[in-house]
Amino acid sequence: MSKAFIARVIQESAEITGVAAQHTANELIAAIVGELKRNGKFTLPNFGTFTVRKTKARKALNPRTGEPIRVKAGKTVRFKAAPALKKLV
């Protein structure tokens, strides 16, 4: 799925222009990202939940050279599908 796909679905269902649909898709994605930054969690009923998780610093291997490297601590987004979505798929 891409942002263009989301914009096209919005455009067809709301019968608006492509520019307005693209703007709406951008605002939707920005709202989701903002909610994840503020609360660390975003839930779409009957679809699933996105959560922000912290990752620890760790040692890894460079796949090209096999040389050990350090990976910094960071954050990642996880998704857990809702039971309703699991049934439909």
PDB file of N, CA and C in Angstrom:
ATOM      1  N   MET A   1       0.848  -1.169   0.000  1.00  0.00           N
ATOM      2  CA  MET A   1       0.000   0.000   0.000  1.00  0.00           C
ATOM      3  C   MET A   1       0.890   1.226   0.000  1.00  0.00           C
ATOM      4  N   SER A   2       0.492   2.214  -0.741  1.00  0.00           N
ATOM      5  CA  SER A   2       1.262   3.453  -0.821  1.00  0.00           C
ATOM      6  C   SER A   2       0.366   4.639  -0.489  1.00  0.00           C
ATOM      7  N   LYS A   3       0.999   5.794  -0.318  1.00  0.00           N
ATOM      8  CA  LYS A   3       0.245   7.010  -0.052  1.00  0.00           C
ATOM      9  C   LYS A   3      -0.655   7.341  -1.247  1.00  0.00           C
ATOM     10  N   ALA A   4      -0.176   7.055  -2.454  1.00  0.00           N
ATOM     11  CA  ALA A   4      -0.974   7.305  -3.662  1.00  0.00           C
ATOM     12  C   ALA A   4      -2.223   6.422  -3.672  1.00  0.00           C
ATOM     13  N   PHE A   5      -2.098   5.185  -3.222  1.00  0.00           N
ATOM     14  CA  PHE A   5      -3.253   4.285  -3.143  1.00  0.00           C
ATOM     15  C   PHE A   5      -4.282   4.833  -2.155  1.00  0.00           C
ATOM     16  N   ILE A   6      -3.819   5.283  -1.004  1.00  0.00           N
ATOM     17  CA  ILE A   6      -4.726   5.846   0.007  1.00  0.00           C
ATOM     18  C   ILE A   6      -5.427   7.082  -0.559  1.00  0.00           C
ATOM     19  N   ALA A   7      -4.670   7.941  -1.236  1.00  0.00           N
ATOM     20  CA  ALA A   7      -5.256   9.147  -1.829  1.00  0.00           C
ATOM     21  C   ALA A   7      -6.296   8.786  -2.884  1.00  0.00           C
ATOM     22  N   ARG A   8      -6.029   7.765  -3.681  1.00  0.00           N
ATOM     23  CA  ARG A   8      -6.976   7.356  -4.721  1.00  0.00           C
ATOM     24  C   ARG A   8      -8.270   6.824  -4.099  1.00  0.00           C
ATOM     25  N   VAL A   9      -8.167   6.045  -3.034  1.00  0.00           N
ATOM     26  CA  VAL A   9      -9.355   5.523  -2.354  1.00  0.00           C
ATOM     27  C   VAL A   9     -10.164   6.672  -1.761  1.00  0.00           C
ATOM     28  N   ILE A  10      -9.484   7.639  -1.147  1.00  0.00           N
ATOM     29  CA  ILE A  10     -10.176   8.808  -0.583  1.00  0.00           C
ATOM     30  C   ILE A  10     -10.867   9.591  -1.694  1.00  0.00           C
ATOM     31  N   GLN A  11     -10.161   9.785  -2.796  1.00  0.00           N
ATOM     32  CA  GLN A  11     -10.710  10.553  -3.922  1.00  0.00           C
ATOM     33  C   GLN A  11     -11.966   9.883  -4.471  1.00  0.00           C
ATOM     34  N   GLU A  12     -11.934   8.584  -4.656  1.00  0.00           N
ATOM     35  CA  GLU A  12     -13.083   7.871  -5.218  1.00  0.00           C
ATOM     36  C   GLU A  12     -14.259   7.810  -4.252  1.00  0.00           C
ATOM     37  N   SER A  13     -13.979   7.598  -2.981  1.00  0.00           N
ATOM     38  CA  SER A  13     -15.087   7.458  -2.027  1.00  0.00           C
ATOM     39  C   SER A  13     -15.712   8.799  -1.659  1.00  0.00           C
ATOM     40  N   ALA A  14     -14.914   9.860  -1.588  1.00  0.00           N
ATOM     41  CA  ALA A  14     -15.437  11.173  -1.202  1.00  0.00           C
ATOM     42  C   ALA A  14     -15.780  12.038  -2.410  1.00  0.00           C
ATOM     43  N   GLU A  15     -15.446  11.563  -3.601  1.00  0.00           N
ATOM     44  CA  GLU A  15     -15.690  12.311  -4.833  1.00  0.00           C
ATOM     45  C   GLU A  15     -15.112  13.724  -4.755  1.00  0.00           C
ATOM     46  N   ILE A  16     -13.797  13.791  -4.449  1.00  0.00           N
ATOM     47  CA  ILE A  16     -13.092  15.059  -4.386  1.00  0.00           C
ATOM     48  C   ILE A  16     -11.946  15.030  -5.400  1.00  0.00           C
ATOM     49  N   THR A  17     -11.273  16.162  -5.562  1.00  0.00           N
ATOM     50  CA  THR A  17     -10.172  16.235  -6.524  1.00  0.00           C
ATOM     51  C   THR A  17      -8.966  15.445  -6.034  1.00  0.00           C
ATOM     52  N   GLY A  18      -8.084  15.146  -6.954  1.00  0.00           N
ATOM     53  CA  GLY A  18      -6.875  14.413  -6.606  1.00  0.00           C
ATOM     54  C   GLY A  18      -5.978  15.178  -5.655  1.00  0.00           C
ATOM     55  N   VAL A  19      -5.899  16.491  -5.838  1.00  0.00           N
ATOM     56  CA  VAL A  19      -5.073  17.329  -4.959  1.00  0.00           C
ATOM     57  C   VAL A  19      -5.631  17.317  -3.540  1.00  0.00           C
ATOM     58  N   ALA A  20      -6.942  17.451  -3.411  1.00  0.00           N
ATOM     59  CA  ALA A  20      -7.570  17.423  -2.083  1.00  0.00           C
ATOM     60  C   ALA A  20      -7.403  16.053  -1.433  1.00  0.00           C
ATOM     61  N   ALA A  21      -7.504  14.997  -2.218  1.00  0.00           N
ATOM     62  CA  ALA A  21      -7.335  13.645  -1.677  1.00  0.00           C
ATOM     63  C   ALA A  21      -5.896  13.429  -1.223  1.00  0.00           C
ATOM     64  N   GLN A  22      -4.934  13.929  -1.985  1.00  0.00           N
ATOM     65  CA  GLN A  22      -3.519  13.811  -1.606  1.00  0.00           C
ATOM     66  C   GLN A  22      -3.252  14.574  -0.321  1.00  0.00           C
ATOM     67  N   HIS A  23      -3.825  15.765  -0.204  1.00  0.00           N
ATOM     68  CA  HIS A  23      -3.682  16.566   1.021  1.00  0.00           C
ATOM     69  C   HIS A  23      -4.283  15.819   2.215  1.00  0.00           C
ATOM     70  N   THR A  24      -5.443  15.225   2.026  1.00  0.00           N
ATOM     71  CA  THR A  24      -6.104  14.481   3.095  1.00  0.00           C
ATOM     72  C   THR A  24      -5.270  13.280   3.517  1.00  0.00           C
ATOM     73  N   ALA A  25      -4.711  12.553   2.554  1.00  0.00           N
ATOM     74  CA  ALA A  25      -3.864  11.393   2.869  1.00  0.00           C
ATOM     75  C   ALA A  25      -2.630  11.834   3.660  1.00  0.00           C
ATOM     76  N   ASN A  26      -2.018  12.949   3.253  1.00  0.00           N
ATOM     77  CA  ASN A  26      -0.856  13.464   3.985  1.00  0.00           C
ATOM     78  C   ASN A  26      -1.221  13.832   5.417  1.00  0.00           C
ATOM     79  N   GLU A  27      -2.363  14.492   5.591  1.00  0.00           N
ATOM     80  CA  GLU A  27      -2.811  14.892   6.925  1.00  0.00           C
ATOM     81  C   GLU A  27      -3.132  13.671   7.793  1.00  0.00           C
ATOM     82  N   LEU A  28      -3.727  12.656   7.203  1.00  0.00           N
ATOM     83  CA  LEU A  28      -4.034  11.424   7.931  1.00  0.00           C
ATOM     84  C   LEU A  28      -2.760  10.769   8.444  1.00  0.00           C
ATOM     85  N   ILE A  29      -1.772  10.638   7.584  1.00  0.00           N
ATOM     86  CA  ILE A  29      -0.509  10.015   7.982  1.00  0.00           C
ATOM     87  C   ILE A  29       0.209  10.867   9.024  1.00  0.00           C
ATOM     88  N   ALA A  30       0.178  12.172   8.860  1.00  0.00           N
ATOM     89  CA  ALA A  30       0.801  13.068   9.839  1.00  0.00           C
ATOM     90  C   ALA A  30       0.117  12.960  11.200  1.00  0.00           C
ATOM     91  N   ALA A  31      -1.201  12.806  11.205  1.00  0.00           N
ATOM     92  CA  ALA A  31      -1.935  12.661  12.468  1.00  0.00           C
ATOM     93  C   ALA A  31      -1.560  11.354  13.166  1.00  0.00           C
ATOM     94  N   ILE A  32      -1.409  10.284  12.406  1.00  0.00           N
ATOM     95  CA  ILE A  32      -1.021   8.993  12.987  1.00  0.00           C
ATOM     96  C   ILE A  32       0.385   9.083  13.577  1.00  0.00           C
ATOM     97  N   VAL A  33       1.314   9.682  12.833  1.00  0.00           N
ATOM     98  CA  VAL A  33       2.685   9.834  13.323  1.00  0.00           C
ATOM     99  C   VAL A  33       2.714  10.711  14.567  1.00  0.00           C
ATOM    100  N   GLY A  34       1.945  11.788  14.566  1.00  0.00           N
ATOM    101  CA  GLY A  34       1.874  12.670  15.735  1.00  0.00           C
ATOM    102  C   GLY A  34       1.350  11.947  16.963  1.00  0.00           C
ATOM    103  N   GLU A  35       0.348  11.130  16.773  1.00  0.00           N
ATOM    104  CA  GLU A  35      -0.212  10.357  17.893  1.00  0.00           C
ATOM    105  C   GLU A  35       0.810   9.349  18.415  1.00  0.00           C
ATOM    106  N   LEU A  36       1.550   8.717  17.538  1.00  0.00           N
ATOM    107  CA  LEU A  36       2.592   7.784  17.968  1.00  0.00           C
ATOM    108  C   LEU A  36       3.684   8.501  18.752  1.00  0.00           C
ATOM    109  N   LYS A  37       4.039   9.712  18.334  1.00  0.00           N
ATOM    110  CA  LYS A  37       5.057  10.484  19.056  1.00  0.00           C
ATOM    111  C   LYS A  37       4.565  10.891  20.437  1.00  0.00           C
ATOM    112  N   ARG A  38       3.301  11.327  20.523  1.00  0.00           N
ATOM    113  CA  ARG A  38       2.748  11.799  21.794  1.00  0.00           C
ATOM    114  C   ARG A  38       2.481  10.672  22.773  1.00  0.00           C
ATOM    115  N   ASN A  39       1.774   9.644  22.323  1.00  0.00           N
ATOM    116  CA  ASN A  39       1.306   8.599  23.238  1.00  0.00           C
ATOM    117  C   ASN A  39       2.042   7.274  23.106  1.00  0.00           C
ATOM    118  N   GLY A  40       2.781   7.094  22.026  1.00  0.00           N
ATOM    119  CA  GLY A  40       3.477   5.836  21.827  1.00  0.00           C
ATOM    120  C   GLY A  40       2.564   4.709  21.363  1.00  0.00           C
ATOM    121  N   LYS A  41       1.316   5.059  21.025  1.00  0.00           N
ATOM    122  CA  LYS A  41       0.343   4.039  20.647  1.00  0.00           C
ATOM    123  C   LYS A  41      -0.740   4.659  19.768  1.00  0.00           C
ATOM    124  N   PHE A  42      -1.200   3.897  18.779  1.00  0.00           N
ATOM    125  CA  PHE A  42      -2.295   4.350  17.924  1.00  0.00           C
ATOM    126  C   PHE A  42      -3.131   3.138  17.553  1.00  0.00           C
ATOM    127  N   THR A  43      -4.436   3.203  17.821  1.00  0.00           N
ATOM    128  CA  THR A  43      -5.323   2.076  17.564  1.00  0.00           C
ATOM    129  C   THR A  43      -6.381   2.448  16.542  1.00  0.00           C
ATOM    130  N   LEU A  44      -6.549   1.607  15.546  1.00  0.00           N
ATOM    131  CA  LEU A  44      -7.646   1.705  14.594  1.00  0.00           C
ATOM    132  C   LEU A  44      -8.589   0.550  14.907  1.00  0.00           C
ATOM    133  N   PRO A  45      -9.806   0.833  15.384  1.00  0.00           N
ATOM    134  CA  PRO A  45     -10.725  -0.247  15.737  1.00  0.00           C
ATOM    135  C   PRO A  45     -10.963  -1.192  14.562  1.00  0.00           C
ATOM    136  N   ASN A  46     -11.030  -2.456  14.855  1.00  0.00           N
ATOM    137  CA  ASN A  46     -11.234  -3.540  13.882  1.00  0.00           C
ATOM    138  C   ASN A  46     -10.094  -3.670  12.884  1.00  0.00           C
ATOM    139  N   PHE A  47      -8.986  -2.955  13.102  1.00  0.00           N
ATOM    140  CA  PHE A  47      -7.823  -3.087  12.216  1.00  0.00           C
ATOM    141  C   PHE A  47      -6.603  -3.531  13.001  1.00  0.00           C
ATOM    142  N   GLY A  48      -6.216  -2.741  14.006  1.00  0.00           N
ATOM    143  CA  GLY A  48      -5.061  -3.123  14.812  1.00  0.00           C
ATOM    144  C   GLY A  48      -4.471  -1.956  15.566  1.00  0.00           C
ATOM    145  N   THR A  49      -3.346  -2.235  16.240  1.00  0.00           N
ATOM    146  CA  THR A  49      -2.698  -1.246  17.081  1.00  0.00           C
ATOM    147  C   THR A  49      -1.229  -1.115  16.685  1.00  0.00           C
ATOM    148  N   PHE A  50      -0.794   0.135  16.540  1.00  0.00           N
ATOM    149  CA  PHE A  50       0.605   0.439  16.305  1.00  0.00           C
ATOM    150  C   PHE A  50       1.192   0.901  17.638  1.00  0.00           C
ATOM    151  N   THR A  51       2.332   0.365  18.047  1.00  0.00           N
ATOM    152  CA  THR A  51       2.987   0.775  19.284  1.00  0.00           C
ATOM    153  C   THR A  51       4.455   1.055  19.013  1.00  0.00           C
ATOM    154  N   VAL A  52       4.992   2.024  19.754  1.00  0.00           N
ATOM    155  CA  VAL A  52       6.407   2.360  19.654  1.00  0.00           C
ATOM    156  C   VAL A  52       7.140   1.560  20.723  1.00  0.00           C
ATOM    157  N   ARG A  53       8.189   0.867  20.315  1.00  0.00           N
ATOM    158  CA  ARG A  53       9.002   0.078  21.242  1.00  0.00           C
ATOM    159  C   ARG A  53      10.441   0.568  21.184  1.00  0.00           C
ATOM    160  N   LYS A  54      11.095   0.557  22.335  1.00  0.00           N
ATOM    161  CA  LYS A  54      12.509   0.915  22.389  1.00  0.00           C
ATOM    162  C   LYS A  54      13.345  -0.332  22.102  1.00  0.00           C
ATOM    163  N   THR A  55      14.431  -0.149  21.376  1.00  0.00           N
ATOM    164  CA  THR A  55      15.357  -1.245  21.129  1.00  0.00           C
ATOM    165  C   THR A  55      16.657  -0.949  21.867  1.00  0.00           C
ATOM    166  N   LYS A  56      17.291  -1.979  22.382  1.00  0.00           N
ATOM    167  CA  LYS A  56      18.534  -1.824  23.123  1.00  0.00           C
ATOM    168  C   LYS A  56      19.717  -1.760  22.157  1.00  0.00           C
ATOM    169  N   ALA A  57      20.791  -1.156  22.633  1.00  0.00           N
ATOM    170  CA  ALA A  57      22.032  -1.185  21.866  1.00  0.00           C
ATOM    171  C   ALA A  57      22.524  -2.631  21.845  1.00  0.00           C
ATOM    172  N   ARG A  58      23.134  -3.009  20.736  1.00  0.00           N
ATOM    173  CA  ARG A  58      23.581  -4.397  20.624  1.00  0.00           C
ATOM    174  C   ARG A  58      24.769  -4.496  19.681  1.00  0.00           C
ATOM    175  N   LYS A  59      25.369  -5.669  19.684  1.00  0.00           N
ATOM    176  CA  LYS A  59      26.456  -5.956  18.758  1.00  0.00           C
ATOM    177  C   LYS A  59      25.876  -6.737  17.591  1.00  0.00           C
ATOM    178  N   ALA A  60      26.370  -6.452  16.391  1.00  0.00           N
ATOM    179  CA  ALA A  60      25.916  -7.161  15.199  1.00  0.00           C
ATOM    180  C   ALA A  60      27.125  -7.404  14.306  1.00  0.00           C
ATOM    181  N   LEU A  61      26.904  -8.129  13.219  1.00  0.00           N
ATOM    182  CA  LEU A  61      27.965  -8.384  12.256  1.00  0.00           C
ATOM    183  C   LEU A  61      27.656  -7.691  10.943  1.00  0.00           C
ATOM    184  N   ASN A  62      28.674  -7.068  10.365  1.00  0.00           N
ATOM    185  CA  ASN A  62      28.541  -6.491   9.041  1.00  0.00           C
ATOM    186  C   ASN A  62      28.425  -7.662   8.064  1.00  0.00           C
ATOM    187  N   PRO A  63      27.315  -7.766   7.324  1.00  0.00           N
ATOM    188  CA  PRO A  63      27.137  -8.933   6.457  1.00  0.00           C
ATOM    189  C   PRO A  63      28.154  -9.016   5.320  1.00  0.00           C
ATOM    190  N   ARG A  64      28.719  -7.888   4.923  1.00  0.00           N
ATOM    191  CA  ARG A  64      29.695  -7.889   3.835  1.00  0.00           C
ATOM    192  C   ARG A  64      31.060  -8.372   4.280  1.00  0.00           C
ATOM    193  N   THR A  65      31.490  -7.856   5.454  1.00  0.00           N
ATOM    194  CA  THR A  65      32.852  -8.154   5.895  1.00  0.00           C
ATOM    195  C   THR A  65      32.908  -9.138   7.052  1.00  0.00           C
ATOM    196  N   GLY A  66      31.786  -9.344   7.731  1.00  0.00           N
ATOM    197  CA  GLY A  66      31.782 -10.217   8.906  1.00  0.00           C
ATOM    198  C   GLY A  66      32.357  -9.532  10.129  1.00  0.00           C
ATOM    199  N   GLU A  67      32.671  -8.263  10.014  1.00  0.00           N
ATOM    200  CA  GLU A  67      33.269  -7.495  11.101  1.00  0.00           C
ATOM    201  C   GLU A  67      32.205  -7.111  12.128  1.00  0.00           C
ATOM    202  N   PRO A  68      32.497  -7.247  13.429  1.00  0.00           N
ATOM    203  CA  PRO A  68      31.506  -6.855  14.448  1.00  0.00           C
ATOM    204  C   PRO A  68      31.344  -5.328  14.490  1.00  0.00           C
ATOM    205  N   ILE A  69      30.101  -4.888  14.661  1.00  0.00           N
ATOM    206  CA  ILE A  69      29.799  -3.461  14.773  1.00  0.00           C
ATOM    207  C   ILE A  69      28.810  -3.253  15.913  1.00  0.00           C
ATOM    208  N   ARG A  70      28.738  -2.026  16.421  1.00  0.00           N
ATOM    209  CA  ARG A  70      27.767  -1.686  17.472  1.00  0.00           C
ATOM    210  C   ARG A  70      26.567  -1.008  16.821  1.00  0.00           C
ATOM    211  N   VAL A  71      25.387  -1.433  17.230  1.00  0.00           N
ATOM    212  CA  VAL A  71      24.148  -0.817  16.756  1.00  0.00           C
ATOM    213  C   VAL A  71      23.598  -0.012  17.918  1.00  0.00           C
ATOM    214  N   LYS A  72      23.289   1.259  17.671  1.00  0.00           N
ATOM    215  CA  LYS A  72      22.792   2.152  18.719  1.00  0.00           C
ATOM    216  C   LYS A  72      21.382   1.759  19.151  1.00  0.00           C
ATOM    217  N   ALA A  73      21.021   2.160  20.363  1.00  0.00           N
ATOM    218  CA  ALA A  73      19.652   1.993  20.840  1.00  0.00           C
ATOM    219  C   ALA A  73      18.753   2.897  20.009  1.00  0.00           C
ATOM    220  N   GLY A  74      17.512   2.522  19.849  1.00  0.00           N
ATOM    221  CA  GLY A  74      16.593   3.329  19.052  1.00  0.00           C
ATOM    222  C   GLY A  74      15.150   2.974  19.339  1.00  0.00           C
ATOM    223  N   LYS A  75      14.302   3.319  18.412  1.00  0.00           N
ATOM    224  CA  LYS A  75      12.876   3.033  18.532  1.00  0.00           C
ATOM    225  C   LYS A  75      12.399   2.376  17.253  1.00  0.00           C
ATOM    226  N   THR A  76      11.361   1.548  17.374  1.00  0.00           N
ATOM    227  CA  THR A  76      10.747   0.917  16.220  1.00  0.00           C
ATOM    228  C   THR A  76       9.238   0.890  16.436  1.00  0.00           C
ATOM    229  N   VAL A  77       8.501   0.746  15.370  1.00  0.00           N
ATOM    230  CA  VAL A  77       7.042   0.685  15.464  1.00  0.00           C
ATOM    231  C   VAL A  77       6.605  -0.761  15.212  1.00  0.00           C
ATOM    232  N   ARG A  78       5.785  -1.269  16.108  1.00  0.00           N
ATOM    233  CA  ARG A  78       5.251  -2.615  15.974  1.00  0.00           C
ATOM    234  C   ARG A  78       3.762  -2.532  15.672  1.00  0.00           C
ATOM    235  N   PHE A  79       3.258  -3.542  14.995  1.00  0.00           N
ATOM    236  CA  PHE A  79       1.831  -3.591  14.672  1.00  0.00           C
ATOM    237  C   PHE A  79       1.260  -4.920  15.139  1.00  0.00           C
ATOM    238  N   LYS A  80       0.110  -4.846  15.813  1.00  0.00           N
ATOM    239  CA  LYS A  80      -0.608  -6.056  16.221  1.00  0.00           C
ATOM    240  C   LYS A  80      -1.994  -5.992  15.610  1.00  0.00           C
ATOM    241  N   ALA A  81      -2.314  -6.980  14.794  1.00  0.00           N
ATOM    242  CA  ALA A  81      -3.600  -6.997  14.112  1.00  0.00           C
ATOM    243  C   ALA A  81      -4.725  -7.283  15.098  1.00  0.00           C
ATOM    244  N   ALA A  82      -5.876  -6.663  14.873  1.00  0.00           N
ATOM    245  CA  ALA A  82      -7.068  -6.895  15.685  1.00  0.00           C
ATOM    246  C   ALA A  82      -7.676  -8.248  15.308  1.00  0.00           C
ATOM    247  N   PRO A  83      -8.378  -8.891  16.217  1.00  0.00           N
ATOM    248  CA  PRO A  83      -9.018 -10.170  15.901  1.00  0.00           C
ATOM    249  C   PRO A  83      -9.956 -10.084  14.699  1.00  0.00           C
ATOM    250  N   ALA A  84     -10.661  -8.972  14.532  1.00  0.00           N
ATOM    251  CA  ALA A  84     -11.568  -8.808  13.398  1.00  0.00           C
ATOM    252  C   ALA A  84     -10.794  -8.829  12.083  1.00  0.00           C
ATOM    253  N   LEU A  85      -9.626  -8.208  12.048  1.00  0.00           N
ATOM    254  CA  LEU A  85      -8.812  -8.210  10.839  1.00  0.00           C
ATOM    255  C   LEU A  85      -8.277  -9.615  10.555  1.00  0.00           C
ATOM    256  N   LYS A  86      -7.861 -10.315  11.596  1.00  0.00           N
ATOM    257  CA  LYS A  86      -7.355 -11.675  11.414  1.00  0.00           C
ATOM    258  C   LYS A  86      -8.409 -12.590  10.834  1.00  0.00           C
ATOM    259  N   LYS A  87      -9.676 -12.405  11.251  1.00  0.00           N
ATOM    260  CA  LYS A  87     -10.757 -13.214  10.716  1.00  0.00           C
ATOM    261  C   LYS A  87     -10.978 -12.942   9.233  1.00  0.00           C
ATOM    262  N   LEU A  88     -10.900 -11.670   8.835  1.00  0.00           N
ATOM    263  CA  LEU A  88     -11.160 -11.292   7.460  1.00  0.00           C
ATOM    264  C   LEU A  88     -10.056 -11.704   6.503  1.00  0.00           C
ATOM    265  N   VAL A  89      -8.849 -11.793   7.007  1.00  0.00           N
ATOM    266  CA  VAL A  89      -7.714 -12.135   6.143  1.00  0.00           C
ATOM    267  C   VAL A  89      -7.480 -13.593   6.270  1.00  0.00           C
TER     268      VAL A  89
END
